[in-house]
Amino acid sequence: MELPEGFVPPHYKKKVLRLLHTLYKLKQAGLAWWNELNKSMKKLDFKQLKTDSGLFMYKKGNTIVIAIIYVDNALFCGPSKALVKKVKAAFMKRWECCNLGEAKEFLQMNIHQNGCHLQ
């Protein structure tokens, strides 16, 4: 990695740089993103399912919220609309994302809701 001309004083030219964050399009960037997602989901009290690494479950009392994460898409669903909104809002505070409202489609699958709230 070379620094742009004029970016560093001459006496720093032979210094080694330490990369603190992954760069876009590096092979490790996806893994670094996934590790950050896992950490933040744990902080939000989600448990990752062992059967599918993209599924996370949040349990409060007898009510659950399921989070489905695939690449840069997230779907939150559960029987309590208020709890789904609360958990989704906490997720959105940690990650830069936009709220698309109630889900009608996810990963090219059409969704018809029947008592479960999907966001």
PDB file of N, CA and C in Angstrom:
ATOM      1  N   MET A   1       0.854  -1.178   0.000  1.00  0.00           N
ATOM      2  CA  MET A   1       0.000   0.000   0.000  1.00  0.00           C
ATOM      3  C   MET A   1       0.893   1.231   0.000  1.00  0.00           C
ATOM      4  N   GLU A   2       0.662   2.119  -0.927  1.00  0.00           N
ATOM      5  CA  GLU A   2       1.445   3.344  -1.008  1.00  0.00           C
ATOM      6  C   GLU A   2       0.560   4.538  -0.683  1.00  0.00           C
ATOM      7  N   LEU A   3       1.154   5.489   0.012  1.00  0.00           N
ATOM      8  CA  LEU A   3       0.422   6.707   0.339  1.00  0.00           C
ATOM      9  C   LEU A   3       0.468   7.670  -0.844  1.00  0.00           C
ATOM     10  N   PRO A   4      -0.551   8.487  -1.008  1.00  0.00           N
ATOM     11  CA  PRO A   4      -0.541   9.485  -2.085  1.00  0.00           C
ATOM     12  C   PRO A   4       0.585  10.497  -1.876  1.00  0.00           C
ATOM     13  N   GLU A   5       1.094  11.032  -2.973  1.00  0.00           N
ATOM     14  CA  GLU A   5       2.154  12.029  -2.913  1.00  0.00           C
ATOM     15  C   GLU A   5       1.709  13.224  -2.096  1.00  0.00           C
ATOM     16  N   GLY A   6       2.605  13.726  -1.241  1.00  0.00           N
ATOM     17  CA  GLY A   6       2.291  14.896  -0.432  1.00  0.00           C
ATOM     18  C   GLY A   6       1.457  14.586   0.806  1.00  0.00           C
ATOM     19  N   PHE A   7       1.076  13.337   0.986  1.00  0.00           N
ATOM     20  CA  PHE A   7       0.231  12.961   2.119  1.00  0.00           C
ATOM     21  C   PHE A   7       1.037  12.828   3.410  1.00  0.00           C
ATOM     22  N   VAL A   8       2.291  12.392   3.290  1.00  0.00           N
ATOM     23  CA  VAL A   8       3.121  12.113   4.456  1.00  0.00           C
ATOM     24  C   VAL A   8       4.421  12.910   4.367  1.00  0.00           C
ATOM     25  N   PRO A   9       4.878  13.447   5.481  1.00  0.00           N
ATOM     26  CA  PRO A   9       6.181  14.138   5.482  1.00  0.00           C
ATOM     27  C   PRO A   9       7.294  13.184   5.060  1.00  0.00           C
ATOM     28  N   PRO A  10       8.365  13.687   4.467  1.00  0.00           N
ATOM     29  CA  PRO A  10       9.453  12.848   3.939  1.00  0.00           C
ATOM     30  C   PRO A  10      10.051  11.885   4.965  1.00  0.00           C
ATOM     31  N   HIS A  11      10.133  12.273   6.243  1.00  0.00           N
ATOM     32  CA  HIS A  11      10.761  11.402   7.238  1.00  0.00           C
ATOM     33  C   HIS A  11       9.876  10.194   7.595  1.00  0.00           C
ATOM     34  N   TYR A  12       8.642  10.140   7.094  1.00  0.00           N
ATOM     35  CA  TYR A  12       7.745   9.000   7.328  1.00  0.00           C
ATOM     36  C   TYR A  12       7.706   8.031   6.144  1.00  0.00           C
ATOM     37  N   LYS A  13       8.444   8.308   5.091  1.00  0.00           N
ATOM     38  CA  LYS A  13       8.356   7.512   3.867  1.00  0.00           C
ATOM     39  C   LYS A  13       8.706   6.041   4.062  1.00  0.00           C
ATOM     40  N   LYS A  14       9.571   5.721   5.006  1.00  0.00           N
ATOM     41  CA  LYS A  14       9.975   4.333   5.204  1.00  0.00           C
ATOM     42  C   LYS A  14       9.209   3.658   6.339  1.00  0.00           C
ATOM     43  N   LYS A  15       8.151   4.259   6.806  1.00  0.00           N
ATOM     44  CA  LYS A  15       7.341   3.689   7.878  1.00  0.00           C
ATOM     45  C   LYS A  15       6.386   2.647   7.309  1.00  0.00           C
ATOM     46  N   VAL A  16       6.026   1.705   8.142  1.00  0.00           N
ATOM     47  CA  VAL A  16       5.049   0.678   7.780  1.00  0.00           C
ATOM     48  C   VAL A  16       3.680   1.126   8.265  1.00  0.00           C
ATOM     49  N   LEU A  17       2.664   0.908   7.463  1.00  0.00           N
ATOM     50  CA  LEU A  17       1.316   1.293   7.841  1.00  0.00           C
ATOM     51  C   LEU A  17       0.560   0.102   8.408  1.00  0.00           C
ATOM     52  N   ARG A  18      -0.225   0.350   9.418  1.00  0.00           N
ATOM     53  CA  ARG A  18      -1.075  -0.689   9.997  1.00  0.00           C
ATOM     54  C   ARG A  18      -2.518  -0.377   9.632  1.00  0.00           C
ATOM     55  N   LEU A  19      -3.178  -1.305   8.967  1.00  0.00           N
ATOM     56  CA  LEU A  19      -4.554  -1.114   8.532  1.00  0.00           C
ATOM     57  C   LEU A  19      -5.481  -1.465   9.685  1.00  0.00           C
ATOM     58  N   LEU A  20      -6.251  -0.491  10.151  1.00  0.00           N
ATOM     59  CA  LEU A  20      -7.124  -0.704  11.297  1.00  0.00           C
ATOM     60  C   LEU A  20      -8.509  -1.197  10.904  1.00  0.00           C
ATOM     61  N   HIS A  21      -8.925  -0.942   9.714  1.00  0.00           N
ATOM     62  CA  HIS A  21     -10.244  -1.359   9.234  1.00  0.00           C
ATOM     63  C   HIS A  21     -10.080  -2.019   7.869  1.00  0.00           C
ATOM     64  N   THR A  22     -10.989  -2.932   7.558  1.00  0.00           N
ATOM     65  CA  THR A  22     -10.928  -3.559   6.242  1.00  0.00           C
ATOM     66  C   THR A  22     -11.339  -2.548   5.183  1.00  0.00           C
ATOM     67  N   LEU A  23     -10.810  -2.715   4.011  1.00  0.00           N
ATOM     68  CA  LEU A  23     -11.134  -1.845   2.897  1.00  0.00           C
ATOM     69  C   LEU A  23     -12.197  -2.482   2.023  1.00  0.00           C
ATOM     70  N   TYR A  24     -12.987  -1.657   1.382  1.00  0.00           N
ATOM     71  CA  TYR A  24     -14.028  -2.135   0.487  1.00  0.00           C
ATOM     72  C   TYR A  24     -13.430  -3.018  -0.600  1.00  0.00           C
ATOM     73  N   LYS A  25     -14.088  -4.089  -0.913  1.00  0.00           N
ATOM     74  CA  LYS A  25     -13.742  -5.052  -1.959  1.00  0.00           C
ATOM     75  C   LYS A  25     -12.594  -5.993  -1.592  1.00  0.00           C
ATOM     76  N   LEU A  26     -12.109  -5.958  -0.368  1.00  0.00           N
ATOM     77  CA  LEU A  26     -11.135  -6.956   0.039  1.00  0.00           C
ATOM     78  C   LEU A  26     -11.869  -8.249   0.346  1.00  0.00           C
ATOM     79  N   LYS A  27     -11.206  -9.359   0.153  1.00  0.00           N
ATOM     80  CA  LYS A  27     -11.851 -10.651   0.405  1.00  0.00           C
ATOM     81  C   LYS A  27     -12.288 -10.795   1.858  1.00  0.00           C
ATOM     82  N   GLN A  28     -11.574 -10.180   2.778  1.00  0.00           N
ATOM     83  CA  GLN A  28     -11.891 -10.300   4.192  1.00  0.00           C
ATOM     84  C   GLN A  28     -13.014  -9.360   4.629  1.00  0.00           C
ATOM     85  N   ALA A  29     -13.417  -8.431   3.794  1.00  0.00           N
ATOM     86  CA  ALA A  29     -14.415  -7.439   4.188  1.00  0.00           C
ATOM     87  C   ALA A  29     -15.744  -8.093   4.559  1.00  0.00           C
ATOM     88  N   GLY A  30     -16.159  -9.104   3.812  1.00  0.00           N
ATOM     89  CA  GLY A  30     -17.421  -9.786   4.118  1.00  0.00           C
ATOM     90  C   GLY A  30     -17.375 -10.474   5.463  1.00  0.00           C
ATOM     91  N   LEU A  31     -16.270 -11.114   5.764  1.00  0.00           N
ATOM     92  CA  LEU A  31     -16.117 -11.787   7.050  1.00  0.00           C
ATOM     93  C   LEU A  31     -16.086 -10.781   8.186  1.00  0.00           C
ATOM     94  N   ALA A  32     -15.392  -9.669   7.988  1.00  0.00           N
ATOM     95  CA  ALA A  32     -15.332  -8.628   9.015  1.00  0.00           C
ATOM     96  C   ALA A  32     -16.729  -8.065   9.278  1.00  0.00           C
ATOM     97  N   TRP A  33     -17.513  -7.847   8.218  1.00  0.00           N
ATOM     98  CA  TRP A  33     -18.884  -7.362   8.372  1.00  0.00           C
ATOM     99  C   TRP A  33     -19.716  -8.378   9.149  1.00  0.00           C
ATOM    100  N   TRP A  34     -19.591  -9.649   8.800  1.00  0.00           N
ATOM    101  CA  TRP A  34     -20.369 -10.696   9.462  1.00  0.00           C
ATOM    102  C   TRP A  34     -20.010 -10.800  10.950  1.00  0.00           C
ATOM    103  N   ASN A  35     -18.731 -10.670  11.272  1.00  0.00           N
ATOM    104  CA  ASN A  35     -18.307 -10.702  12.674  1.00  0.00           C
ATOM    105  C   ASN A  35     -18.897  -9.530  13.457  1.00  0.00           C
ATOM    106  N   GLU A  36     -18.924  -8.347  12.837  1.00  0.00           N
ATOM    107  CA  GLU A  36     -19.527  -7.177  13.486  1.00  0.00           C
ATOM    108  C   GLU A  36     -21.031  -7.375  13.681  1.00  0.00           C
ATOM    109  N   LEU A  37     -21.672  -7.956  12.688  1.00  0.00           N
ATOM    110  CA  LEU A  37     -23.111  -8.226  12.806  1.00  0.00           C
ATOM    111  C   LEU A  37     -23.373  -9.176  13.969  1.00  0.00           C
ATOM    112  N   ASN A  38     -22.606 -10.244  14.061  1.00  0.00           N
ATOM    113  CA  ASN A  38     -22.789 -11.204  15.150  1.00  0.00           C
ATOM    114  C   ASN A  38     -22.609 -10.553  16.514  1.00  0.00           C
ATOM    115  N   LYS A  39     -21.597  -9.700  16.644  1.00  0.00           N
ATOM    116  CA  LYS A  39     -21.367  -8.998  17.909  1.00  0.00           C
ATOM    117  C   LYS A  39     -22.550  -8.107  18.260  1.00  0.00           C
ATOM    118  N   SER A  40     -23.027  -7.361  17.275  1.00  0.00           N
ATOM    119  CA  SER A  40     -24.130  -6.437  17.567  1.00  0.00           C
ATOM    120  C   SER A  40     -25.427  -7.186  17.865  1.00  0.00           C
ATOM    121  N   MET A  41     -25.652  -8.320  17.217  1.00  0.00           N
ATOM    122  CA  MET A  41     -26.853  -9.102  17.509  1.00  0.00           C
ATOM    123  C   MET A  41     -26.801  -9.669  18.932  1.00  0.00           C
ATOM    124  N   LYS A  42     -25.618 -10.067  19.373  1.00  0.00           N
ATOM    125  CA  LYS A  42     -25.467 -10.545  20.757  1.00  0.00           C
ATOM    126  C   LYS A  42     -25.748  -9.426  21.745  1.00  0.00           C
ATOM    127  N   LYS A  43     -25.270  -8.213  21.429  1.00  0.00           N
ATOM    128  CA  LYS A  43     -25.526  -7.069  22.306  1.00  0.00           C
ATOM    129  C   LYS A  43     -27.014  -6.743  22.377  1.00  0.00           C
ATOM    130  N   LEU A  44     -27.747  -7.065  21.329  1.00  0.00           N
ATOM    131  CA  LEU A  44     -29.202  -6.849  21.297  1.00  0.00           C
ATOM    132  C   LEU A  44     -29.956  -8.042  21.869  1.00  0.00           C
ATOM    133  N   ASP A  45     -29.247  -8.989  22.463  1.00  0.00           N
ATOM    134  CA  ASP A  45     -29.815 -10.191  23.101  1.00  0.00           C
ATOM    135  C   ASP A  45     -30.416 -11.191  22.119  1.00  0.00           C
ATOM    136  N   PHE A  46     -29.921 -11.201  20.880  1.00  0.00           N
ATOM    137  CA  PHE A  46     -30.340 -12.217  19.914  1.00  0.00           C
ATOM    138  C   PHE A  46     -29.435 -13.433  20.080  1.00  0.00           C
ATOM    139  N   LYS A  47     -29.994 -14.592  19.853  1.00  0.00           N
ATOM    140  CA  LYS A  47     -29.230 -15.838  19.832  1.00  0.00           C
ATOM    141  C   LYS A  47     -29.217 -16.337  18.400  1.00  0.00           C
ATOM    142  N   GLN A  48     -28.033 -16.722  17.920  1.00  0.00           N
ATOM    143  CA  GLN A  48     -27.917 -17.236  16.553  1.00  0.00           C
ATOM    144  C   GLN A  48     -28.327 -18.699  16.540  1.00  0.00           C
ATOM    145  N   LEU A  49     -29.157 -19.079  15.575  1.00  0.00           N
ATOM    146  CA  LEU A  49     -29.555 -20.474  15.468  1.00  0.00           C
ATOM    147  C   LEU A  49     -28.402 -21.314  14.942  1.00  0.00           C
ATOM    148  N   LYS A  50     -28.251 -22.508  15.466  1.00  0.00           N
ATOM    149  CA  LYS A  50     -27.170 -23.386  15.020  1.00  0.00           C
ATOM    150  C   LYS A  50     -27.485 -24.018  13.672  1.00  0.00           C
ATOM    151  N   THR A  51     -28.768 -24.146  13.348  1.00  0.00           N
ATOM    152  CA  THR A  51     -29.159 -24.787  12.094  1.00  0.00           C
ATOM    153  C   THR A  51     -28.985 -23.880  10.889  1.00  0.00           C
ATOM    154  N   ASP A  52     -29.012 -22.552  11.102  1.00  0.00           N
ATOM    155  CA  ASP A  52     -28.858 -21.599   9.999  1.00  0.00           C
ATOM    156  C   ASP A  52     -28.214 -20.335  10.554  1.00  0.00           C
ATOM    157  N   SER A  53     -27.019 -20.029  10.123  1.00  0.00           N
ATOM    158  CA  SER A  53     -26.274 -18.899  10.691  1.00  0.00           C
ATOM    159  C   SER A  53     -26.910 -17.545  10.389  1.00  0.00           C
ATOM    160  N   GLY A  54     -27.812 -17.467   9.421  1.00  0.00           N
ATOM    161  CA  GLY A  54     -28.470 -16.208   9.081  1.00  0.00           C
ATOM    162  C   GLY A  54     -29.745 -15.953   9.858  1.00  0.00           C
ATOM    163  N   LEU A  55     -30.093 -16.861  10.767  1.00  0.00           N
ATOM    164  CA  LEU A  55     -31.304 -16.707  11.583  1.00  0.00           C
ATOM    165  C   LEU A  55     -30.920 -16.407  13.023  1.00  0.00           C
ATOM    166  N   PHE A  56     -31.576 -15.390  13.570  1.00  0.00           N
ATOM    167  CA  PHE A  56     -31.342 -14.984  14.955  1.00  0.00           C
ATOM    168  C   PHE A  56     -32.683 -14.920  15.673  1.00  0.00           C
ATOM    169  N   MET A  57     -32.691 -15.293  16.952  1.00  0.00           N
ATOM    170  CA  MET A  57     -33.933 -15.299  17.720  1.00  0.00           C
ATOM    171  C   MET A  57     -33.772 -14.431  18.967  1.00  0.00           C
ATOM    172  N   TYR A  58     -34.766 -13.582  19.190  1.00  0.00           N
ATOM    173  CA  TYR A  58     -34.819 -12.739  20.375  1.00  0.00           C
ATOM    174  C   TYR A  58     -36.037 -13.199  21.163  1.00  0.00           C
ATOM    175  N   LYS A  59     -35.851 -13.468  22.438  1.00  0.00           N
ATOM    176  CA  LYS A  59     -36.954 -13.971  23.254  1.00  0.00           C
ATOM    177  C   LYS A  59     -37.177 -13.054  24.437  1.00  0.00           C
ATOM    178  N   LYS A  60     -38.423 -12.636  24.621  1.00  0.00           N
ATOM    179  CA  LYS A  60     -38.803 -11.824  25.781  1.00  0.00           C
ATOM    180  C   LYS A  60     -40.083 -12.430  26.340  1.00  0.00           C
ATOM    181  N   GLY A  61     -39.955 -13.059  27.491  1.00  0.00           N
ATOM    182  CA  GLY A  61     -41.105 -13.766  28.060  1.00  0.00           C
ATOM    183  C   GLY A  61     -41.483 -14.927  27.157  1.00  0.00           C
ATOM    184  N   ASN A  62     -42.740 -14.976  26.765  1.00  0.00           N
ATOM    185  CA  ASN A  62     -43.207 -16.022  25.858  1.00  0.00           C
ATOM    186  C   ASN A  62     -43.223 -15.578  24.401  1.00  0.00           C
ATOM    187  N   THR A  63     -42.778 -14.362  24.137  1.00  0.00           N
ATOM    188  CA  THR A  63     -42.819 -13.813  22.783  1.00  0.00           C
ATOM    189  C   THR A  63     -41.424 -13.833  22.168  1.00  0.00           C
ATOM    190  N   ILE A  64     -41.378 -14.147  20.888  1.00  0.00           N
ATOM    191  CA  ILE A  64     -40.089 -14.164  20.186  1.00  0.00           C
ATOM    192  C   ILE A  64     -40.135 -13.247  18.971  1.00  0.00           C
ATOM    193  N   VAL A  65     -38.955 -12.827  18.571  1.00  0.00           N
ATOM    194  CA  VAL A  65     -38.777 -12.103  17.312  1.00  0.00           C
ATOM    195  C   VAL A  65     -37.676 -12.844  16.566  1.00  0.00           C
ATOM    196  N   ILE A  66     -37.938 -13.159  15.327  1.00  0.00           N
ATOM    197  CA  ILE A  66     -36.960 -13.819  14.477  1.00  0.00           C
ATOM    198  C   ILE A  66     -36.378 -12.773  13.524  1.00  0.00           C
ATOM    199  N   ALA A  67     -35.058 -12.737  13.429  1.00  0.00           N
ATOM    200  CA  ALA A  67     -34.368 -11.860  12.474  1.00  0.00           C
ATOM    201  C   ALA A  67     -33.713 -12.753  11.430  1.00  0.00           C
ATOM    202  N   ILE A  68     -34.017 -12.482  10.174  1.00  0.00           N
ATOM    203  CA  ILE A  68     -33.417 -13.206   9.063  1.00  0.00           C
ATOM    204  C   ILE A  68     -32.462 -12.233   8.383  1.00  0.00           C
ATOM    205  N   ILE A  69     -31.190 -12.586   8.353  1.00  0.00           N
ATOM    206  CA  ILE A  69     -30.180 -11.715   7.759  1.00  0.00           C
ATOM    207  C   ILE A  69     -29.581 -12.434   6.565  1.00  0.00           C
ATOM    208  N   TYR A  70     -29.603 -11.765   5.425  1.00  0.00           N
ATOM    209  CA  TYR A  70     -28.988 -12.321   4.222  1.00  0.00           C
ATOM    210  C   TYR A  70     -28.270 -11.199   3.490  1.00  0.00           C
ATOM    211  N   VAL A  71     -26.962 -11.265   3.413  1.00  0.00           N
ATOM    212  CA  VAL A  71     -26.094 -10.264   2.816  1.00  0.00           C
ATOM    213  C   VAL A  71     -26.422  -8.900   3.418  1.00  0.00           C
ATOM    214  N   ASP A  72     -27.105  -8.023   2.701  1.00  0.00           N
ATOM    215  CA  ASP A  72     -27.432  -6.712   3.257  1.00  0.00           C
ATOM    216  C   ASP A  72     -28.942  -6.532   3.415  1.00  0.00           C
ATOM    217  N   ASN A  73     -29.653  -7.633   3.576  1.00  0.00           N
ATOM    218  CA  ASN A  73     -31.098  -7.595   3.800  1.00  0.00           C
ATOM    219  C   ASN A  73     -31.407  -8.158   5.182  1.00  0.00           C
ATOM    220  N   ALA A  74     -32.349  -7.543   5.873  1.00  0.00           N
ATOM    221  CA  ALA A  74     -32.760  -8.024   7.190  1.00  0.00           C
ATOM    222  C   ALA A  74     -34.274  -7.994   7.266  1.00  0.00           C
ATOM    223  N   LEU A  75     -34.837  -9.041   7.826  1.00  0.00           N
ATOM    224  CA  LEU A  75     -36.286  -9.144   8.011  1.00  0.00           C
ATOM    225  C   LEU A  75     -36.533  -9.525   9.458  1.00  0.00           C
ATOM    226  N   PHE A  76     -37.370  -8.771  10.145  1.00  0.00           N
ATOM    227  CA  PHE A  76     -37.726  -9.041  11.536  1.00  0.00           C
ATOM    228  C   PHE A  76     -39.186  -9.458  11.576  1.00  0.00           C
ATOM    229  N   CYS A  77     -39.489 -10.557  12.253  1.00  0.00           N
ATOM    230  CA  CYS A  77     -40.871 -11.011  12.316  1.00  0.00           C
ATOM    231  C   CYS A  77     -41.180 -11.605  13.681  1.00  0.00           C
ATOM    232  N   GLY A  78     -42.455 -11.524  14.051  1.00  0.00           N
ATOM    233  CA  GLY A  78     -42.912 -12.062  15.325  1.00  0.00           C
ATOM    234  C   GLY A  78     -44.379 -11.749  15.530  1.00  0.00           C
ATOM    235  N   PRO A  79     -45.004 -12.378  16.535  1.00  0.00           N
ATOM    236  CA  PRO A  79     -46.435 -12.189  16.775  1.00  0.00           C
ATOM    237  C   PRO A  79     -46.790 -10.840  17.395  1.00  0.00           C
ATOM    238  N   SER A  80     -45.841 -10.168  18.031  1.00  0.00           N
ATOM    239  CA  SER A  80     -46.099  -8.876  18.670  1.00  0.00           C
ATOM    240  C   SER A  80     -45.537  -7.745  17.820  1.00  0.00           C
ATOM    241  N   LYS A  81     -46.428  -6.965  17.228  1.00  0.00           N
ATOM    242  CA  LYS A  81     -45.988  -5.857  16.369  1.00  0.00           C
ATOM    243  C   LYS A  81     -45.143  -4.860  17.155  1.00  0.00           C
ATOM    244  N   ALA A  82     -45.527  -4.578  18.393  1.00  0.00           N
ATOM    245  CA  ALA A  82     -44.793  -3.616  19.221  1.00  0.00           C
ATOM    246  C   ALA A  82     -43.379  -4.107  19.499  1.00  0.00           C
ATOM    247  N   LEU A  83     -43.218  -5.392  19.811  1.00  0.00           N
ATOM    248  CA  LEU A  83     -41.891  -5.933  20.100  1.00  0.00           C
ATOM    249  C   LEU A  83     -41.029  -5.973  18.836  1.00  0.00           C
ATOM    250  N   VAL A  84     -41.638  -6.321  17.713  1.00  0.00           N
ATOM    251  CA  VAL A  84     -40.890  -6.342  16.447  1.00  0.00           C
ATOM    252  C   VAL A  84     -40.372  -4.939  16.144  1.00  0.00           C
ATOM    253  N   LYS A  85     -41.211  -3.924  16.309  1.00  0.00           N
ATOM    254  CA  LYS A  85     -40.798  -2.541  16.056  1.00  0.00           C
ATOM    255  C   LYS A  85     -39.687  -2.105  17.005  1.00  0.00           C
ATOM    256  N   LYS A  86     -39.800  -2.488  18.283  1.00  0.00           N
ATOM    257  CA  LYS A  86     -38.806  -2.108  19.279  1.00  0.00           C
ATOM    258  C   LYS A  86     -37.445  -2.722  18.955  1.00  0.00           C
ATOM    259  N   VAL A  87     -37.435  -4.003  18.640  1.00  0.00           N
ATOM    260  CA  VAL A  87     -36.187  -4.703  18.331  1.00  0.00           C
ATOM    261  C   VAL A  87     -35.585  -4.165  17.040  1.00  0.00           C
ATOM    262  N   LYS A  88     -36.424  -3.920  16.064  1.00  0.00           N
ATOM    263  CA  LYS A  88     -35.941  -3.386  14.788  1.00  0.00           C
ATOM    264  C   LYS A  88     -35.347  -1.987  14.973  1.00  0.00           C
ATOM    265  N   ALA A  89     -35.974  -1.169  15.805  1.00  0.00           N
ATOM    266  CA  ALA A  89     -35.458   0.177  16.073  1.00  0.00           C
ATOM    267  C   ALA A  89     -34.081   0.107  16.742  1.00  0.00           C
ATOM    268  N   ALA A  90     -33.898  -0.839  17.660  1.00  0.00           N
ATOM    269  CA  ALA A  90     -32.593  -1.010  18.320  1.00  0.00           C
ATOM    270  C   ALA A  90     -31.537  -1.440  17.301  1.00  0.00           C
ATOM    271  N   PHE A  91     -31.920  -2.324  16.379  1.00  0.00           N
ATOM    272  CA  PHE A  91     -31.013  -2.763  15.324  1.00  0.00           C
ATOM    273  C   PHE A  91     -30.622  -1.580  14.434  1.00  0.00           C
ATOM    274  N   MET A  92     -31.597  -0.745  14.089  1.00  0.00           N
ATOM    275  CA  MET A  92     -31.352   0.382  13.199  1.00  0.00           C
ATOM    276  C   MET A  92     -30.471   1.460  13.840  1.00  0.00           C
ATOM    277  N   LYS A  93     -30.439   1.516  15.182  1.00  0.00           N
ATOM    278  CA  LYS A  93     -29.537   2.449  15.860  1.00  0.00           C
ATOM    279  C   LYS A  93     -28.087   2.024  15.683  1.00  0.00           C
ATOM    280  N   ARG A  94     -27.853   0.720  15.581  1.00  0.00           N
ATOM    281  CA  ARG A  94     -26.495   0.193  15.459  1.00  0.00           C
ATOM    282  C   ARG A  94     -26.019   0.148  14.012  1.00  0.00           C
ATOM    283  N   TRP A  95     -26.937  -0.007  13.071  1.00  0.00           N
ATOM    284  CA  TRP A  95     -26.578  -0.171  11.669  1.00  0.00           C
ATOM    285  C   TRP A  95     -27.253   0.902  10.831  1.00  0.00           C
ATOM    286  N   GLU A  96     -26.511   1.422   9.865  1.00  0.00           N
ATOM    287  CA  GLU A  96     -27.078   2.399   8.939  1.00  0.00           C
ATOM    288  C   GLU A  96     -27.953   1.642   7.952  1.00  0.00           C
ATOM    289  N   CYS A  97     -29.245   1.833   8.067  1.00  0.00           N
ATOM    290  CA  CYS A  97     -30.174   1.141   7.178  1.00  0.00           C
ATOM    291  C   CYS A  97     -31.470   1.939   7.079  1.00  0.00           C
ATOM    292  N   CYS A  98     -32.299   1.563   6.152  1.00  0.00           N
ATOM    293  CA  CYS A  98     -33.570   2.263   6.000  1.00  0.00           C
ATOM    294  C   CYS A  98     -34.715   1.288   6.271  1.00  0.00           C
ATOM    295  N   ASN A  99     -35.793   1.837   6.798  1.00  0.00           N
ATOM    296  CA  ASN A  99     -36.971   1.060   7.126  1.00  0.00           C
ATOM    297  C   ASN A  99     -37.899   1.041   5.916  1.00  0.00           C
ATOM    298  N   LEU A 100     -38.141  -0.128   5.378  1.00  0.00           N
ATOM    299  CA  LEU A 100     -39.007  -0.243   4.209  1.00  0.00           C
ATOM    300  C   LEU A 100     -40.441  -0.603   4.590  1.00  0.00           C
ATOM    301  N   GLY A 101     -40.748  -0.595   5.901  1.00  0.00           N
ATOM    302  CA  GLY A 101     -42.104  -0.874   6.355  1.00  0.00           C
ATOM    303  C   GLY A 101     -42.403  -2.366   6.349  1.00  0.00           C
ATOM    304  N   GLU A 102     -43.683  -2.687   6.291  1.00  0.00           N
ATOM    305  CA  GLU A 102     -44.086  -4.095   6.310  1.00  0.00           C
ATOM    306  C   GLU A 102     -43.628  -4.791   5.037  1.00  0.00           C
ATOM    307  N   ALA A 103     -43.124  -5.991   5.229  1.00  0.00           N
ATOM    308  CA  ALA A 103     -42.543  -6.737   4.101  1.00  0.00           C
ATOM    309  C   ALA A 103     -43.616  -7.321   3.200  1.00  0.00           C
ATOM    310  N   LYS A 104     -43.418  -7.155   1.912  1.00  0.00           N
ATOM    311  CA  LYS A 104     -44.282  -7.769   0.898  1.00  0.00           C
ATOM    312  C   LYS A 104     -43.475  -8.762   0.061  1.00  0.00           C
ATOM    313  N   GLU A 105     -42.139  -8.584   0.108  1.00  0.00           N
ATOM    314  CA  GLU A 105     -41.243  -9.456  -0.637  1.00  0.00           C
ATOM    315  C   GLU A 105     -39.899  -9.502   0.082  1.00  0.00           C
ATOM    316  N   PHE A 106     -39.264 -10.667   0.088  1.00  0.00           N
ATOM    317  CA  PHE A 106     -37.939 -10.819   0.683  1.00  0.00           C
ATOM    318  C   PHE A 106     -37.192 -11.874  -0.100  1.00  0.00           C
ATOM    319  N   LEU A 107     -36.026 -11.511  -0.622  1.00  0.00           N
ATOM    320  CA  LEU A 107     -35.199 -12.416  -1.424  1.00  0.00           C
ATOM    321  C   LEU A 107     -35.993 -13.052  -2.559  1.00  0.00           C
ATOM    322  N   GLN A 108     -36.744 -12.243  -3.256  1.00  0.00           N
ATOM    323  CA  GLN A 108     -37.558 -12.619  -4.412  1.00  0.00           C
ATOM    324  C   GLN A 108     -38.696 -13.582  -4.067  1.00  0.00           C
ATOM    325  N   MET A 109     -39.079 -13.636  -2.780  1.00  0.00           N
ATOM    326  CA  MET A 109     -40.237 -14.431  -2.367  1.00  0.00           C
ATOM    327  C   MET A 109     -41.349 -13.470  -1.971  1.00  0.00           C
ATOM    328  N   ASN A 110     -42.540 -13.705  -2.476  1.00  0.00           N
ATOM    329  CA  ASN A 110     -43.685 -12.907  -2.086  1.00  0.00           C
ATOM    330  C   ASN A 110     -44.142 -13.325  -0.702  1.00  0.00           C
ATOM    331  N   ILE A 111     -44.540 -12.342   0.102  1.00  0.00           N
ATOM    332  CA  ILE A 111     -44.944 -12.597   1.484  1.00  0.00           C
ATOM    333  C   ILE A 111     -46.403 -12.213   1.664  1.00  0.00           C
ATOM    334  N   HIS A 112     -47.175 -13.118   2.236  1.00  0.00           N
ATOM    335  CA  HIS A 112     -48.557 -12.854   2.621  1.00  0.00           C
ATOM    336  C   HIS A 112     -48.622 -13.047   4.143  1.00  0.00           C
ATOM    337  N   GLN A 113     -48.960 -11.984   4.869  1.00  0.00           N
ATOM    338  CA  GLN A 113     -48.954 -12.034   6.321  1.00  0.00           C
ATOM    339  C   GLN A 113     -50.272 -12.598   6.853  1.00  0.00           C
ATOM    340  N   ASN A 114     -50.121 -13.419   7.872  1.00  0.00           N
ATOM    341  CA  ASN A 114     -51.291 -14.021   8.498  1.00  0.00           C
ATOM    342  C   ASN A 114     -51.044 -14.074  10.001  1.00  0.00           C
ATOM    343  N   GLY A 115     -51.216 -12.944  10.690  1.00  0.00           N
ATOM    344  CA  GLY A 115     -51.055 -12.906  12.127  1.00  0.00           C
ATOM    345  C   GLY A 115     -49.643 -12.637  12.609  1.00  0.00           C
ATOM    346  N   CYS A 116     -48.676 -12.751  11.747  1.00  0.00           N
ATOM    347  CA  CYS A 116     -47.277 -12.499  12.113  1.00  0.00           C
ATOM    348  C   CYS A 116     -46.884 -11.152  11.525  1.00  0.00           C
ATOM    349  N   HIS A 117     -46.174 -10.360  12.288  1.00  0.00           N
ATOM    350  CA  HIS A 117     -45.767  -9.029  11.824  1.00  0.00           C
ATOM    351  C   HIS A 117     -44.356  -9.089  11.270  1.00  0.00           C
ATOM    352  N   LEU A 118     -44.214  -8.704  10.026  1.00  0.00           N
ATOM    353  CA  LEU A 118     -42.924  -8.738   9.327  1.00  0.00           C
ATOM    354  C   LEU A 118     -42.507  -7.330   8.989  1.00  0.00           C
ATOM    355  N   GLN A 119     -41.281  -6.986   9.319  1.00  0.00           N
ATOM    356  CA  GLN A 119     -40.749  -5.658   8.985  1.00  0.00           C
ATOM    357  C   GLN A 119     -39.326  -5.776   8.553  1.00  0.00           C
TER     358      GLN A 119
END
